[in-house]
Protein backbone atom coordinates (compact mmCIF):
# COMPACT_ATOMS: atom_id res chain seq x y z
CA UNK A 1 0.10 -6.30 19.27
CA UNK A 2 1.31 -3.01 18.44
CA UNK A 3 -0.48 0.23 17.58
CA UNK A 4 -0.57 1.69 14.33
CA UNK A 5 2.68 3.80 14.94
CA UNK A 6 4.97 0.78 15.38
CA UNK A 7 6.50 -0.09 11.86
CA UNK A 8 7.20 -3.70 12.88
CA UNK A 9 4.51 -5.30 14.58
CA UNK A 10 5.16 -8.30 16.65
CA UNK A 11 4.21 -11.77 15.31
CA UNK A 12 1.34 -13.43 17.26
CA UNK A 13 -2.08 -14.39 16.71
CA UNK A 14 -3.43 -14.55 12.91
CA UNK A 15 -5.76 -11.73 11.95
CA UNK A 16 -9.49 -11.85 12.30
CA UNK A 17 -10.47 -9.31 10.15
CA UNK A 18 -9.51 -6.81 7.40
CA UNK A 19 -10.97 -3.72 5.76
CA UNK A 20 -9.76 -1.00 3.70
CA UNK A 21 -10.30 2.82 3.93
CA UNK A 22 -10.34 5.38 1.02
CA UNK A 23 -10.05 9.12 2.14
CA UNK A 24 -9.19 12.32 0.39
CA UNK A 25 -6.17 14.38 1.44
CA UNK A 26 -4.89 17.48 -0.20
CA UNK A 27 -6.51 16.57 -3.54
CA UNK A 28 -5.17 13.02 -3.53
CA UNK A 29 -7.18 9.86 -2.59
CA UNK A 30 -5.53 7.72 0.17
CA UNK A 31 -5.79 3.86 0.50
CA UNK A 32 -5.21 2.45 4.13
CA UNK A 33 -5.73 -0.89 5.25
CA UNK A 34 -6.84 -1.86 8.76
CA UNK A 35 -6.14 -5.29 10.32
CA UNK A 36 -7.63 -6.59 13.34
CA UNK A 37 -5.88 -9.21 15.63
CA UNK A 38 -7.10 -10.35 18.74
CA UNK A 39 -4.97 -8.46 20.71
CA UNK A 40 -4.97 -5.17 18.81
CA UNK A 41 -5.43 -3.26 15.43
CA UNK A 42 -2.98 -2.07 12.84
CA UNK A 43 -3.53 0.52 10.38
CA UNK A 44 -1.26 1.27 7.54
CA UNK A 45 -1.30 3.64 4.43
CA UNK A 46 -0.95 1.90 1.19
CA UNK A 47 -0.52 4.48 -1.37
CA UNK A 48 -2.34 7.70 -2.85
CA UNK A 49 -3.79 8.02 -6.20
CA UNK A 50 -4.88 10.91 -8.18
CA UNK A 51 -8.63 9.91 -8.41
CA UNK A 52 -11.24 8.45 -5.99
CA UNK A 53 -12.01 5.75 -8.91
CA UNK A 54 -8.21 4.66 -8.75
CA UNK A 55 -8.20 4.56 -5.15
CA UNK A 56 -11.24 2.50 -4.80
CA UNK A 57 -9.95 0.00 -7.54
CA UNK A 58 -6.56 -0.39 -5.62
CA UNK A 59 -8.48 -0.79 -2.21
CA UNK A 60 -10.49 -3.50 -3.66
CA UNK A 61 -7.36 -5.37 -4.84
CA UNK A 62 -5.58 -4.87 -1.44
CA UNK A 63 -8.75 -6.23 0.38
CA UNK A 64 -9.24 -9.28 -1.92
CA UNK A 65 -5.61 -10.04 -1.27
CA UNK A 66 -5.76 -9.73 2.41
CA UNK A 67 -8.92 -11.66 2.67
CA UNK A 68 -7.20 -14.68 1.43
CA UNK A 69 -5.05 -14.85 4.56
CA UNK A 70 -7.85 -14.34 6.94
CA UNK A 71 -8.97 -17.78 8.51
CA UNK A 72 -12.41 -18.92 9.28
CA UNK A 73 -15.66 -17.86 7.46
CA UNK A 74 -15.84 -14.57 5.67
CA UNK A 75 -18.52 -12.16 6.61
CA UNK A 76 -19.63 -10.61 3.12
C-alpha cells in the first residue's frame, strides 16, 4: 500500500479500519480521514470548515460513510 503522499494508492486488500480527525489550522478546522489497510495506512485531507462544530459534523458523515465499506464486525 502507498504512503499518505501518494495521490493514487494501488488496489489491494480491503480496508480494516477507518477514522476521522479534526484539527485547527490557521483559524480553520480541518477534517482528515485515516484508512488502515493490512499493508499500510492512508491519510487524506477532506476539507476545511469555518467552525469546529461544522468540521465535527462533516467528520461524522465521512466516518459513517466509510464505515459502511469496512468488512467484518465494527468496533464501537
